[in-house]
Amino acid sequence: MTRLYHQGVLFLQSILLFSSTYSSLVPNTDNCCILDDRFGEYCPTTCGVSDFLNTYYTEVDTDLQYFEGLLNQIRNDTTTTTVIVTDMQQVGTKPQAAPQGMKDPTQKSRTMLDEITRYERTITENERIIQELQEILNSNSQKITLLKQKISVLENQCQQPCKDTVEIQEFTGKDCQEVANKGARTSGLYYVKPLKAKQQFLVYCEIQPSGAAWTVLQRRLDGSVDFNKNWIQYKEGFGYLSPTDTTEYWLGNEKIHLLSTQSTTPYVLRIELEDWSGHKSVADYSTFRLGAEKDKYRLTYAYFLGGDAGDAFDGFDFGDDPSDKFYTSHNGMQFSTFDKDNDRFDGNCAEQDGSGWWMNRCHAGHLNGKYYPDGTYSESDTTGGYDNGIIWATWRSRWYSMKKASMKIIPLSRYGDNDDQQFSKDGKVGTQGRGDF
C-alpha cells in the first residue's frame, strides 16, 4: 500500500511539472520542432502535450482531486491499521488504551464472554431453585393427600354430633369426701379447693352409695399416656380427666401435696391393681402424706393397713442380695424424674426406668412404669435390661406389668365403708447395684 502511494505521487508530480512549465506555450513553427499531423497530440515535443492539457484540463483536474481524496483515505486507513496491529501485538502484556472513539475488540470479547458466563450461572441457579420448589410441591402434595385421608377417617368417626363440653358436677369442697358430705352421690368430675390451695382444680371423685368418696390421684388403663415426663410435668400433672374415668393421668405432685397435708385428719392411700387375667387386688397405707416441693415431694406413711396385693412400698427381697429389701423400700423417699435425680442410686433410676416415682435403689413397686401389653416382659424388651414395667413385686413378678393401676385417697374416718369392693386372694409371686435388679 505504501509503494502504490509513492508511485502515484511521482506520476502526478511529473504531470504537474509539464503542465506548469509548458502550459503557456502555443505551438507554432518557432517552438514546435516537428509539425506533422501524424503526431497530433502525441508530438514528442510539448506542443501536443499542451494541446492535450488545454483540451482535457477540466476532466483531468477532477480525476486528480479524486486521486488526492483517495490517497488521504488510504493514509488514514493505514494509520488506523497500524494502531490495531500494534495493539494486537501487545495483547497479554500491558493493556493499551483504545484510540479515541474506538472500543478494544479484545476487551469487548471478554465482556461478552463474562456476560454469557453470568447468564449460564443464572440459568443453572434458576434450574436448581425450580427443582427444589418442585420437590417441595411434591412433598406438600403428599401431605395434603394424607390430610385428606385423615379427614375422611375423622368424618367417618364423627357421624354423631361431637360434644364440646364436659359435665362437671356442681358440688365443691376441700376434697371428694367433703363433696360427698354435701350431698353428691354420683361419681364424676368435681372442683375441689384444699385449705392451702390458691385456686380450685378439677379431680375425679369416686363416690360409693354409702357416701364414702375417694379422690383419685393416678389412673393407668391402656398405655395411651406416656409417663416419661420431667419434673415440672409431674408437679403440675398430665394426661386427661374424663367424667367416666376412662382416661389415664397423673393429678400432679403439687395438688397431691395440698390434698394430703391440709388437715390433721389422716388420709388412707389405696393402691388398686388388675392383672391381664382380670384378677384385682389392693394395698392400703395409713396416714399418707406427700411433702412440699422444697422437700422434693417426699412420700411418707405410718403403716401398711392391709390388702392382698402385699406391701411393696416396704421393699422386696428379690434374692439377689441381703440388702434388696432395704434398698427397694419407698417410705421416706423423695420423688425423682429423669431431670431431677433424688434417689439413693449412683445412677438415675427414673431415667433408667423411664418415669417419675419415689425411687430408692430403685423400687419394688412402680405404678408409673412403661405399659406392656399382655403383661409379661423380659430384660430383652427393655432399654438397659431394667424392670421398668407397671410392677408391684409383692403381688406379681417384677417382669409382669399390670393391665390397670390406680392411686386414690380417702379420710381415715371413712375408710372401711366399702360397698362394692371384692378382691381375689391370689398368692404373691415374686440383679447387683440396683436393689430391684
Protein backbone atom coordinates (compact mmCIF):
# COMPACT_ATOMS: atom_id res chain seq x y z
CA MET A 1 0.00 0.00 0.00
CA THR A 2 2.97 2.37 0.69
CA ARG A 3 4.61 1.56 -2.71
CA LEU A 4 1.40 2.37 -4.62
CA TYR A 5 1.20 5.64 -2.79
CA HIS A 6 4.73 6.72 -3.83
CA GLN A 7 4.22 5.72 -7.48
CA GLY A 8 1.02 7.74 -7.72
CA VAL A 9 2.75 10.78 -6.22
CA LEU A 10 5.65 10.63 -8.74
CA PHE A 11 3.25 10.33 -11.65
CA LEU A 12 1.19 13.27 -10.54
CA GLN A 13 4.29 15.38 -9.88
CA SER A 14 5.57 14.71 -13.45
CA ILE A 15 2.29 15.74 -14.96
CA LEU A 16 2.10 18.85 -12.84
CA LEU A 17 5.68 19.78 -13.86
CA PHE A 18 4.90 19.58 -17.55
CA SER A 19 1.67 21.43 -17.02
CA SER A 20 3.29 24.34 -15.13
CA THR A 21 6.28 24.71 -17.49
CA TYR A 22 4.64 24.49 -20.87
CA SER A 23 1.04 25.44 -20.30
CA SER A 24 1.74 28.97 -21.69
CA LEU A 25 3.37 27.76 -24.96
CA VAL A 26 1.27 27.93 -28.15
CA PRO A 27 2.54 25.55 -30.83
CA ASN A 28 3.89 27.29 -33.99
CA THR A 29 6.73 26.89 -36.41
CA ASP A 30 9.09 28.50 -33.92
CA ASN A 31 8.59 26.34 -30.89
CA CYS A 32 7.40 23.09 -32.34
CA CYS A 33 10.25 21.18 -33.86
CA ILE A 34 8.01 18.90 -35.86
CA LEU A 35 4.68 19.89 -37.26
CA ASP A 36 3.38 16.73 -38.57
CA ASP A 37 -0.32 15.75 -38.37
CA ARG A 38 0.78 12.23 -37.91
CA PHE A 39 1.88 13.03 -34.35
CA GLY A 40 -1.00 15.30 -33.37
CA GLU A 41 -1.25 15.41 -29.55
CA TYR A 42 1.42 12.78 -29.41
CA CYS A 43 4.01 15.11 -30.87
CA PRO A 44 7.22 14.26 -28.98
CA THR A 45 7.52 17.91 -28.21
CA THR A 46 5.47 19.81 -25.68
CA CYS A 47 3.19 21.08 -28.37
CA GLY A 48 0.94 18.03 -28.33
CA VAL A 49 1.01 17.81 -24.54
CA SER A 50 -0.04 21.40 -24.23
CA ASP A 51 -2.91 20.85 -26.61
CA PHE A 52 -3.96 17.77 -24.69
CA LEU A 53 -3.88 19.54 -21.35
CA ASN A 54 -5.77 22.53 -22.66
CA THR A 55 -8.40 20.25 -24.15
CA TYR A 56 -8.83 17.89 -21.18
CA TYR A 57 -7.84 20.14 -18.24
CA THR A 58 -11.26 20.08 -16.53
CA GLU A 59 -11.64 16.31 -16.66
CA VAL A 60 -8.02 15.69 -15.56
CA ASP A 61 -8.39 18.15 -12.69
CA THR A 62 -11.48 16.29 -11.44
CA ASP A 63 -9.60 12.97 -11.60
CA LEU A 64 -6.67 14.46 -9.73
CA GLN A 65 -8.94 15.70 -6.97
CA TYR A 66 -10.45 12.22 -6.73
CA PHE A 67 -6.98 10.66 -6.52
CA GLU A 68 -5.98 13.11 -3.82
CA GLY A 69 -9.06 12.22 -1.73
CA LEU A 70 -8.40 8.53 -2.28
CA LEU A 71 -4.79 8.93 -1.13
CA ASN A 72 -5.91 10.77 2.00
CA GLN A 73 -8.33 7.94 2.81
CA ILE A 74 -5.60 5.36 2.22
CA ARG A 75 -3.29 7.31 4.52
CA ASN A 76 -5.91 7.39 7.31
CA ASP A 77 -6.75 3.70 6.95
CA THR A 78 -3.05 2.84 7.04
CA THR A 79 -2.60 4.75 10.29
CA THR A 80 -5.62 3.04 11.92
CA THR A 81 -4.44 -0.40 10.75
CA THR A 82 -1.00 0.24 12.20
CA VAL A 83 -2.53 1.07 15.61
CA ILE A 84 -4.70 -2.05 15.59
CA VAL A 85 -1.73 -4.27 14.67
CA THR A 86 0.31 -2.72 17.47
CA ASP A 87 -2.50 -3.37 19.98
CA MET A 88 -2.79 -6.99 18.83
CA GLN A 89 0.96 -7.48 19.26
CA GLN A 90 0.75 -6.18 22.82
CA VAL A 91 -2.16 -8.46 23.89
CA GLY A 92 -1.06 -10.34 27.05
CA THR A 93 1.33 -7.54 28.04
CA LYS A 94 0.42 -4.16 29.43
CA PRO A 95 -3.12 -3.21 28.39
CA GLN A 96 -3.25 -0.37 25.90
CA ALA A 97 -5.91 2.26 25.71
CA ALA A 98 -8.00 2.08 22.59
CA PRO A 99 -7.90 5.03 20.20
CA GLN A 100 -10.35 7.79 20.87
CA GLY A 101 -13.81 6.74 19.74
CA MET A 102 -12.84 3.03 19.32
CA LYS A 103 -13.52 0.06 21.68
CA ASP A 104 -10.85 -2.52 22.32
CA PRO A 105 -12.03 -5.63 20.37
CA THR A 106 -10.35 -7.99 22.88
CA GLN A 107 -11.95 -6.28 25.86
CA LYS A 108 -15.29 -6.31 24.12
CA SER A 109 -14.95 -10.06 23.52
CA ARG A 110 -14.02 -10.64 27.12
CA THR A 111 -17.02 -8.64 28.28
CA MET A 112 -19.29 -10.70 26.06
CA LEU A 113 -17.82 -13.94 27.43
CA ASP A 114 -18.32 -12.71 31.00
CA GLU A 115 -21.93 -11.86 30.24
CA ILE A 116 -22.50 -15.28 28.70
CA THR A 117 -20.93 -16.99 31.73
CA ARG A 118 -23.10 -14.93 34.08
CA TYR A 119 -26.24 -15.84 32.16
CA GLU A 120 -25.29 -19.52 32.23
CA ARG A 121 -24.82 -19.37 36.00
CA THR A 122 -28.15 -17.61 36.41
CA ILE A 123 -29.88 -20.27 34.32
CA THR A 124 -28.22 -23.07 36.33
CA GLU A 125 -29.24 -21.46 39.65
CA ASN A 126 -32.80 -20.97 38.46
CA GLU A 127 -32.97 -24.60 37.38
CA ARG A 128 -31.77 -25.66 40.85
CA ILE A 129 -34.38 -23.45 42.55
CA ILE A 130 -37.09 -24.81 40.26
CA GLN A 131 -36.04 -28.36 41.18
CA GLU A 132 -36.22 -27.56 44.91
CA LEU A 133 -39.61 -25.94 44.53
CA GLN A 134 -40.81 -28.95 42.60
CA GLU A 135 -39.67 -31.25 45.40
CA ILE A 136 -41.43 -29.07 47.98
CA LEU A 137 -44.55 -29.10 45.85
CA ASN A 138 -44.44 -32.89 45.61
CA SER A 139 -43.93 -33.18 49.39
CA ASN A 140 -46.80 -30.81 50.12
CA SER A 141 -48.99 -32.70 47.68
CA GLN A 142 -48.28 -35.92 49.56
CA LYS A 143 -49.03 -34.24 52.88
CA ILE A 144 -52.28 -32.85 51.51
CA THR A 145 -53.23 -36.32 50.33
CA LEU A 146 -52.52 -37.78 53.78
CA LEU A 147 -54.50 -34.99 55.46
CA LYS A 148 -57.43 -35.63 53.16
CA GLN A 149 -57.28 -39.31 54.09
CA LYS A 150 -57.24 -38.44 57.80
CA ILE A 151 -60.12 -36.01 57.30
CA SER A 152 -62.07 -38.76 55.62
CA VAL A 153 -61.39 -41.12 58.53
CA LEU A 154 -62.39 -38.48 61.08
CA GLU A 155 -65.55 -37.68 59.17
CA ASN A 156 -66.49 -41.34 59.29
CA GLN A 157 -65.81 -41.42 63.03
CA CYS A 158 -67.80 -38.28 63.69
CA GLN A 159 -71.18 -39.37 62.38
CA GLN A 160 -72.73 -38.34 65.68
CA PRO A 161 -72.56 -34.70 66.89
CA CYS A 162 -69.39 -34.08 68.90
CA LYS A 163 -69.66 -32.92 72.50
CA ASP A 164 -67.54 -29.86 73.11
CA THR A 165 -68.37 -29.63 76.81
CA VAL A 166 -67.72 -31.88 79.80
CA GLU A 167 -70.24 -32.34 82.54
CA ILE A 168 -68.79 -31.04 85.80
CA GLN A 169 -70.83 -31.58 88.97
CA GLU A 170 -71.99 -28.54 90.91
CA PHE A 171 -70.79 -29.53 94.38
CA THR A 172 -67.38 -28.36 95.59
CA GLY A 173 -65.30 -28.94 98.69
CA LYS A 174 -61.79 -29.32 100.03
CA ASP A 175 -61.70 -32.94 98.79
CA CYS A 176 -64.06 -35.53 97.33
CA GLN A 177 -65.25 -36.65 100.77
CA GLU A 178 -66.43 -33.14 101.60
CA VAL A 179 -68.14 -33.02 98.21
CA ALA A 180 -70.00 -36.24 99.10
CA ASN A 181 -70.80 -34.91 102.56
CA LYS A 182 -72.59 -32.01 100.85
CA GLY A 183 -74.90 -34.43 99.06
CA ALA A 184 -73.07 -35.58 95.91
CA ARG A 185 -73.83 -39.22 95.09
CA THR A 186 -72.59 -39.51 91.52
CA SER A 187 -69.02 -40.33 90.60
CA GLY A 188 -67.56 -37.80 88.17
CA LEU A 189 -65.60 -34.59 87.82
CA TYR A 190 -65.71 -32.06 90.64
CA TYR A 191 -63.83 -28.91 91.54
CA VAL A 192 -62.05 -29.08 94.88
CA LYS A 193 -60.02 -26.50 96.78
CA PRO A 194 -57.78 -27.75 99.58
CA LEU A 195 -57.35 -25.41 102.55
CA LYS A 196 -53.97 -24.06 101.45
CA ALA A 197 -54.67 -24.01 97.72
CA LYS A 198 -54.73 -20.66 95.95
CA GLN A 199 -57.35 -21.81 93.48
CA GLN A 200 -59.62 -24.76 92.88
CA PHE A 201 -58.79 -27.57 90.48
CA LEU A 202 -60.57 -30.46 88.86
CA VAL A 203 -60.46 -34.04 90.20
CA TYR A 204 -62.30 -37.29 89.62
CA CYS A 205 -64.36 -38.33 92.64
CA GLU A 206 -65.26 -41.96 93.08
CA ILE A 207 -68.35 -41.84 95.29
CA GLN A 208 -69.89 -45.01 96.72
CA PRO A 209 -73.54 -45.47 97.70
CA SER A 210 -72.57 -45.34 101.37
CA GLY A 211 -71.26 -41.82 100.89
CA ALA A 212 -67.58 -42.74 101.13
CA ALA A 213 -65.67 -40.78 98.48
CA TRP A 214 -62.21 -41.39 97.07
CA THR A 215 -60.14 -38.67 95.41
CA VAL A 216 -58.30 -40.35 92.51
CA LEU A 217 -54.64 -39.33 92.15
CA GLN A 218 -53.49 -41.56 89.30
CA ARG A 219 -55.00 -43.89 86.71
CA ARG A 220 -53.41 -46.42 84.31
CA LEU A 221 -55.72 -48.19 81.87
CA ASP A 222 -54.39 -48.74 78.37
CA GLY A 223 -50.99 -47.13 77.87
CA SER A 224 -52.46 -44.16 75.98
CA VAL A 225 -50.42 -41.65 78.02
CA ASP A 226 -46.62 -41.59 78.14
CA PHE A 227 -45.50 -41.31 81.79
CA ASN A 228 -41.89 -40.48 80.91
CA LYS A 229 -42.24 -36.81 81.92
CA ASN A 230 -39.99 -34.20 83.50
CA TRP A 231 -40.15 -32.63 86.97
CA ILE A 232 -42.46 -29.75 86.01
CA GLN A 233 -44.92 -32.06 84.27
CA TYR A 234 -45.12 -34.36 87.28
CA LYS A 235 -45.51 -31.30 89.50
CA GLU A 236 -48.39 -29.79 87.51
CA GLY A 237 -49.96 -33.05 86.34
CA PHE A 238 -50.56 -34.50 82.89
CA GLY A 239 -52.91 -36.78 80.98
CA TYR A 240 -56.68 -36.36 80.68
CA LEU A 241 -59.51 -36.29 83.19
CA SER A 242 -62.86 -37.63 81.99
CA PRO A 243 -66.31 -37.76 83.61
CA THR A 244 -66.42 -41.53 83.04
CA ASP A 245 -62.91 -42.13 84.44
CA THR A 246 -61.77 -43.88 81.26
CA THR A 247 -58.57 -41.96 80.65
CA GLU A 248 -55.01 -42.04 82.00
CA TYR A 249 -53.50 -39.22 84.04
CA TRP A 250 -51.29 -38.08 86.92
CA LEU A 251 -53.09 -35.47 89.04
CA GLY A 252 -49.88 -33.60 89.90
CA ASN A 253 -47.49 -33.69 92.86
CA GLU A 254 -48.38 -30.17 94.00
CA LYS A 255 -52.11 -31.00 94.06
CA ILE A 256 -51.44 -34.30 95.87
CA HIS A 257 -49.34 -32.41 98.42
CA LEU A 258 -52.13 -29.87 99.06
CA LEU A 259 -54.77 -32.60 99.38
CA SER A 260 -52.82 -34.92 101.69
CA THR A 261 -51.49 -32.28 104.11
CA GLN A 262 -54.46 -29.95 104.53
CA SER A 263 -55.84 -31.21 107.84
CA THR A 264 -54.98 -33.16 110.97
CA THR A 265 -57.27 -35.95 109.82
CA PRO A 266 -55.00 -38.54 108.16
CA TYR A 267 -55.65 -39.92 104.72
CA VAL A 268 -55.53 -43.52 103.60
CA LEU A 269 -53.77 -44.26 100.31
CA ARG A 270 -55.18 -47.15 98.32
CA ILE A 271 -53.27 -48.90 95.54
CA GLU A 272 -55.62 -50.78 93.18
CA LEU A 273 -54.23 -53.30 90.69
CA GLU A 274 -55.61 -55.54 87.95
CA ASP A 275 -53.63 -58.13 86.02
CA TRP A 276 -54.19 -59.36 82.47
CA SER A 277 -56.36 -62.25 83.70
CA GLY A 278 -58.87 -59.89 85.29
CA HIS A 279 -57.75 -60.53 88.90
CA LYS A 280 -57.80 -57.50 91.19
CA SER A 281 -56.03 -56.61 94.42
CA VAL A 282 -55.38 -53.67 96.73
CA ALA A 283 -52.77 -52.33 99.12
CA ASP A 284 -53.78 -49.72 101.72
CA TYR A 285 -51.49 -47.36 103.66
CA SER A 286 -52.45 -45.25 106.67
CA THR A 287 -51.52 -41.59 107.18
CA PHE A 288 -50.32 -41.00 103.66
CA ARG A 289 -48.67 -37.63 103.08
CA LEU A 290 -46.73 -36.01 100.26
CA GLY A 291 -44.23 -33.33 101.29
CA ALA A 292 -43.76 -29.92 99.69
CA GLU A 293 -41.66 -29.28 96.60
CA LYS A 294 -38.80 -27.92 98.74
CA ASP A 295 -38.62 -31.43 100.24
CA LYS A 296 -38.80 -32.99 96.75
CA TYR A 297 -42.38 -34.24 97.34
CA ARG A 298 -41.26 -36.85 99.85
CA LEU A 299 -43.59 -39.88 100.33
CA THR A 300 -44.42 -40.89 103.93
CA TYR A 301 -46.99 -43.14 105.58
CA ALA A 302 -47.49 -44.55 109.07
CA TYR A 303 -48.06 -48.23 108.36
CA PHE A 304 -49.47 -50.81 105.97
CA LEU A 305 -53.17 -51.33 106.67
CA GLY A 306 -53.52 -54.46 104.58
CA GLY A 307 -54.56 -55.76 101.20
CA ASP A 308 -53.91 -58.89 99.17
CA ALA A 309 -51.51 -57.03 96.84
CA GLY A 310 -48.93 -57.02 99.64
CA ASP A 311 -46.71 -54.25 100.97
CA ALA A 312 -44.38 -53.46 98.06
CA PHE A 313 -43.75 -49.97 99.47
CA ASP A 314 -41.85 -51.70 102.29
CA GLY A 315 -39.45 -53.25 99.77
CA PHE A 316 -39.00 -56.77 98.49
CA ASP A 317 -36.32 -59.42 98.83
CA PHE A 318 -35.53 -60.41 95.27
CA GLY A 319 -32.98 -62.96 96.48
CA ASP A 320 -30.06 -61.23 94.80
CA ASP A 321 -28.55 -59.52 97.85
CA PRO A 322 -29.36 -59.30 101.58
CA SER A 323 -29.87 -55.56 101.16
CA ASP A 324 -32.57 -55.94 98.47
CA LYS A 325 -35.49 -55.23 100.79
CA PHE A 326 -33.82 -52.20 102.39
CA TYR A 327 -32.84 -50.62 99.08
CA THR A 328 -36.25 -51.15 97.46
CA SER A 329 -38.43 -49.67 100.22
CA HIS A 330 -40.27 -46.44 99.37
CA ASN A 331 -41.37 -44.93 102.66
CA GLY A 332 -39.50 -41.65 103.15
CA MET A 333 -38.23 -41.47 99.56
CA GLN A 334 -38.19 -38.24 97.57
CA PHE A 335 -39.66 -38.01 94.10
CA SER A 336 -37.29 -38.41 91.11
CA THR A 337 -37.59 -37.70 87.40
CA PHE A 338 -35.10 -38.06 84.57
CA ASP A 339 -34.13 -34.39 85.01
CA LYS A 340 -34.10 -34.36 88.85
CA ASP A 341 -32.33 -37.30 90.45
CA ASN A 342 -33.24 -37.63 94.16
CA ASP A 343 -32.79 -41.40 94.63
CA ARG A 344 -30.12 -43.36 96.56
CA PHE A 345 -28.64 -45.00 93.49
CA ASP A 346 -25.37 -43.91 91.91
CA GLY A 347 -27.24 -43.66 88.60
CA ASN A 348 -30.68 -42.21 87.90
CA CYS A 349 -33.44 -44.76 88.47
CA ALA A 350 -36.13 -42.54 86.95
CA GLU A 351 -34.07 -42.10 83.79
CA GLN A 352 -33.35 -45.83 83.52
CA ASP A 353 -36.97 -46.82 84.13
CA GLY A 354 -38.46 -44.04 82.00
CA SER A 355 -40.85 -42.50 84.55
CA GLY A 356 -41.10 -40.41 87.72
CA TRP A 357 -41.52 -42.14 91.09
CA TRP A 358 -40.38 -42.28 94.70
CA MET A 359 -37.21 -44.13 93.83
CA ASN A 360 -34.81 -45.72 96.30
CA ARG A 361 -32.32 -48.06 94.64
CA CYS A 362 -34.58 -48.41 92.79
CA HIS A 363 -38.04 -49.89 93.60
CA ALA A 364 -40.28 -52.81 94.48
CA GLY A 365 -43.46 -51.02 93.44
CA HIS A 366 -43.61 -48.77 90.40
CA LEU A 367 -47.02 -47.74 89.05
CA ASN A 368 -45.79 -45.09 86.60
CA GLY A 369 -43.69 -47.54 84.60
CA LYS A 370 -43.90 -48.45 80.93
CA TYR A 371 -47.13 -50.06 79.74
CA TYR A 372 -46.51 -53.58 78.37
CA PRO A 373 -49.50 -55.16 76.57
CA ASP A 374 -50.18 -58.73 77.72
CA GLY A 375 -48.22 -58.12 80.91
CA THR A 376 -45.20 -60.38 80.71
CA TYR A 377 -41.95 -58.82 79.50
CA SER A 378 -38.24 -59.60 79.80
CA GLU A 379 -34.85 -57.87 80.02
CA SER A 380 -34.53 -58.03 76.23
CA ASP A 381 -37.75 -56.00 75.89
CA THR A 382 -36.33 -53.11 77.91
CA THR A 383 -33.71 -50.42 77.43
CA GLY A 384 -30.72 -51.44 79.56
CA GLY A 385 -32.37 -54.57 80.96
CA TYR A 386 -34.16 -52.83 83.85
CA ASP A 387 -37.54 -53.92 85.27
CA ASN A 388 -39.38 -50.80 84.12
CA GLY A 389 -42.97 -52.02 83.81
CA ILE A 390 -46.02 -51.22 85.96
CA ILE A 391 -44.95 -53.55 88.73
CA TRP A 392 -45.93 -54.45 92.28
CA ALA A 393 -43.40 -57.08 93.31
CA THR A 394 -45.34 -58.38 96.32
CA TRP A 395 -48.25 -59.47 94.08
CA ARG A 396 -46.75 -60.19 90.65
CA SER A 397 -43.21 -60.64 89.43
CA ARG A 398 -41.10 -57.60 88.55
CA TRP A 399 -41.20 -58.95 84.96
CA TYR A 400 -45.00 -58.67 84.92
CA SER A 401 -46.61 -55.32 84.04
CA MET A 402 -50.14 -54.63 85.27
CA LYS A 403 -53.06 -54.04 82.95
CA LYS A 404 -54.62 -51.44 85.25
CA ALA A 405 -53.46 -49.48 88.28
CA SER A 406 -54.72 -46.53 90.28
CA MET A 407 -53.93 -44.47 93.39
CA LYS A 408 -56.61 -42.74 95.44
CA ILE A 409 -57.06 -41.30 98.93
CA ILE A 410 -59.87 -41.07 101.48
CA PRO A 411 -60.01 -39.66 105.01
CA LEU A 412 -59.24 -42.35 107.59
CA SER A 413 -62.59 -41.63 109.23
CA ARG A 414 -64.44 -43.00 106.17
CA TYR A 415 -62.04 -45.86 105.47
CA GLY A 416 -63.78 -49.23 105.55
CA ASP A 417 -67.08 -48.08 104.06
CA ASN A 418 -66.55 -50.36 101.04
CA ASP A 419 -69.88 -51.16 99.40
CA ASP A 420 -68.65 -52.81 96.26
CA GLN A 421 -65.02 -53.93 96.71
CA GLN A 422 -64.33 -57.61 96.18
CA PHE A 423 -60.76 -58.75 95.74
CA SER A 424 -59.11 -62.02 94.81
CA LYS A 425 -56.85 -63.82 97.28
CA ASP A 426 -54.04 -64.64 94.85
CA GLY A 427 -50.74 -65.51 96.44
CA LYS A 428 -47.82 -63.21 95.69
CA VAL A 429 -45.16 -64.22 93.25
CA GLY A 430 -42.40 -62.63 93.00
CA THR A 431 -29.55 -58.46 89.89
CA GLN A 432 -26.23 -56.05 91.90
CA GLY A 433 -26.21 -52.31 92.04
CA ARG A 434 -29.93 -51.68 91.92
CA GLY A 435 -31.76 -53.36 94.78
CA ASP A 436 -34.58 -54.49 92.49
CA PHE A 437 -32.39 -55.74 89.68
